[in-house]
């Protein structure tokens, strides 16, 4: 008799554990789906947008330069706004990376600030001629003010 009682108890414990684990997994998935990307607000709007981008090699220089502006679409300011780039070759392989801050590095709501990224040719695999495409990403510290 004790063996049957023990088996029934173990089965009940196993069912409770499986149910608990299922609840934890479901809650974790819901949490992950509700997370907001760093450059988006709760409404899904992109908070920091990159505009007016230009990429060029200054004459007589071994530097790849990317310039543009970052616009703050949020209702709060951002500090330490940084623009990062990844450079790709014809085969979509990464050949270099770089970053730079806006000037000023803080951007008030509804305003924009210019940025400039300089990447030296020696830092690019295959040199400047290897660059076929690039991506840009803006990030910063959202300065939400909470009053008691």
Protein backbone atom coordinates (compact mmCIF):
# COMPACT_ATOMS: atom_id res chain seq x y z
CA UNK A 1 0.00 0.00 0.00
CA UNK A 2 2.64 2.59 0.83
CA UNK A 3 4.16 2.19 -2.67
CA UNK A 4 0.82 3.02 -4.35
CA UNK A 5 0.28 5.97 -2.01
CA UNK A 6 3.81 7.25 -2.75
CA UNK A 7 3.30 6.89 -6.51
CA UNK A 8 0.04 8.83 -6.34
CA UNK A 9 1.69 11.55 -4.25
CA UNK A 10 4.60 11.80 -6.67
CA UNK A 11 2.21 12.04 -9.62
CA UNK A 12 0.29 14.86 -7.91
CA UNK A 13 3.53 16.72 -7.18
CA UNK A 14 4.66 16.26 -10.79
CA UNK A 15 1.34 17.66 -12.11
CA UNK A 16 1.62 20.69 -9.81
CA UNK A 17 5.23 21.30 -10.89
CA UNK A 18 4.39 21.03 -14.59
CA UNK A 19 1.50 23.46 -14.11
CA UNK A 20 3.73 25.90 -12.24
CA UNK A 21 6.47 25.72 -14.87
CA UNK A 22 3.88 26.27 -17.63
CA UNK A 23 2.62 29.40 -15.86
CA UNK A 24 6.16 30.73 -15.48
CA UNK A 25 6.91 30.12 -19.17
CA UNK A 26 3.66 31.77 -20.29
CA UNK A 27 4.34 34.82 -18.09
CA UNK A 28 7.93 35.08 -19.36
CA UNK A 29 6.75 35.00 -22.99
CA UNK A 30 4.15 37.69 -22.31
CA UNK A 31 6.79 39.85 -20.64
CA UNK A 32 9.19 39.43 -23.57
CA UNK A 33 6.48 40.38 -26.08
CA UNK A 34 5.65 43.56 -24.18
CA UNK A 35 9.19 44.87 -23.95
CA UNK A 36 9.80 48.15 -25.82
CA UNK A 37 12.92 48.52 -28.01
CA UNK A 38 15.34 51.19 -26.81
CA UNK A 39 14.58 53.64 -29.62
CA UNK A 40 10.77 53.26 -29.58
CA UNK A 41 8.06 54.73 -27.39
CA UNK A 42 5.06 52.85 -26.06
CA UNK A 43 3.03 53.97 -29.09
CA UNK A 44 5.47 52.16 -31.40
CA UNK A 45 6.84 55.41 -32.81
CA UNK A 46 10.59 55.62 -33.32
CA UNK A 47 11.90 58.08 -30.73
CA UNK A 48 15.22 58.88 -32.42
CA UNK A 49 15.16 59.05 -36.21
CA UNK A 50 18.18 59.55 -38.44
CA UNK A 51 17.74 62.05 -41.27
CA UNK A 52 19.71 63.72 -44.07
CA UNK A 53 22.45 61.09 -44.21
CA UNK A 54 25.45 61.50 -46.46
CA UNK A 55 28.50 59.24 -46.82
CA UNK A 56 31.69 60.30 -48.54
CA UNK A 57 35.49 60.15 -48.62
CA UNK A 58 37.04 63.60 -48.15
CA UNK A 59 39.38 64.39 -51.02
CA UNK A 60 42.92 63.14 -50.44
CA UNK A 61 42.00 61.41 -47.16
CA UNK A 62 41.84 57.74 -46.18
CA UNK A 63 38.70 58.30 -44.10
CA UNK A 64 35.11 57.20 -44.70
CA UNK A 65 32.78 59.88 -43.30
CA UNK A 66 29.06 59.59 -42.57
CA UNK A 67 27.10 62.68 -41.55
CA UNK A 68 23.46 63.40 -40.81
CA UNK A 69 21.06 64.50 -38.11
CA UNK A 70 19.16 62.75 -35.34
CA UNK A 71 15.63 63.96 -34.62
CA UNK A 72 13.99 63.43 -31.19
CA UNK A 73 10.35 62.40 -31.75
CA UNK A 74 9.73 61.83 -28.04
CA UNK A 75 8.17 64.25 -25.55
CA UNK A 76 11.20 63.90 -23.24
CA UNK A 77 14.84 64.77 -23.92
CA UNK A 78 17.58 62.26 -24.72
CA UNK A 79 21.13 62.60 -23.40
CA UNK A 80 24.29 60.94 -24.72
CA UNK A 81 22.83 60.36 -28.19
CA UNK A 82 25.16 58.14 -30.19
CA UNK A 83 24.93 56.96 -33.79
CA UNK A 84 26.57 53.63 -34.64
CA UNK A 85 27.29 52.27 -38.10
CA UNK A 86 28.13 48.87 -39.53
CA UNK A 87 29.84 48.77 -42.92
CA UNK A 88 29.26 45.91 -45.39
CA UNK A 89 30.97 44.69 -48.56
CA UNK A 90 29.39 43.34 -51.78
CA UNK A 91 28.79 39.96 -50.09
CA UNK A 92 26.97 41.57 -47.12
CA UNK A 93 29.92 40.74 -44.87
CA UNK A 94 30.84 43.20 -42.12
CA UNK A 95 34.03 45.07 -43.02
CA UNK A 96 33.99 47.76 -40.34
CA UNK A 97 32.14 49.56 -37.56
CA UNK A 98 32.17 53.04 -36.15
CA UNK A 99 30.22 55.47 -34.02
CA UNK A 100 29.94 59.10 -33.05
CA UNK A 101 27.89 61.36 -30.79
CA UNK A 102 25.53 64.09 -31.86
CA UNK A 103 26.60 67.67 -31.22
CA UNK A 104 25.28 68.54 -28.72
CA UNK A 105 24.99 65.02 -27.32
CA UNK A 106 21.63 65.86 -25.70
CA UNK A 107 18.55 66.45 -27.86
CA UNK A 108 15.41 68.15 -26.59
CA UNK A 109 11.94 66.96 -27.72
CA UNK A 110 11.07 67.99 -31.28
CA UNK A 111 14.63 69.09 -32.06
CA UNK A 112 17.51 67.56 -33.98
CA UNK A 113 21.29 67.52 -33.70
CA UNK A 114 23.97 66.74 -36.30
CA UNK A 115 26.37 63.80 -36.09
CA UNK A 116 29.58 62.82 -37.83
CA UNK A 117 31.26 59.42 -37.92
CA UNK A 118 34.82 59.10 -39.24
CA UNK A 119 36.22 55.63 -39.93
CA UNK A 120 39.85 55.40 -40.98
CA UNK A 121 40.60 53.24 -44.03
CA UNK A 122 43.02 51.11 -42.00
CA UNK A 123 40.14 50.09 -39.70
CA UNK A 124 38.10 48.76 -42.65
CA UNK A 125 38.81 45.22 -43.87
CA UNK A 126 39.78 45.61 -47.52
CA UNK A 127 40.00 49.40 -47.20
CA UNK A 128 37.45 52.05 -48.12
CA UNK A 129 36.88 50.55 -51.58
CA UNK A 130 35.42 47.41 -49.95
CA UNK A 131 32.39 49.34 -48.61
CA UNK A 132 29.18 48.63 -50.52
CA UNK A 133 26.52 49.50 -47.93
CA UNK A 134 26.05 50.50 -44.29
CA UNK A 135 23.44 50.59 -41.55
CA UNK A 136 22.94 53.24 -38.88
CA UNK A 137 21.40 53.04 -35.42
CA UNK A 138 20.74 55.87 -32.97
CA UNK A 139 20.59 55.35 -29.21
CA UNK A 140 20.54 57.55 -26.14
CA UNK A 141 19.46 57.90 -22.54
CA UNK A 142 15.81 58.93 -22.27
CA UNK A 143 15.45 61.53 -19.53
CA UNK A 144 11.98 60.90 -18.10
CA UNK A 145 11.10 63.26 -15.27
CA UNK A 146 8.92 61.86 -12.51
CA UNK A 147 7.51 64.22 -9.93
CA UNK A 148 6.26 63.03 -6.53
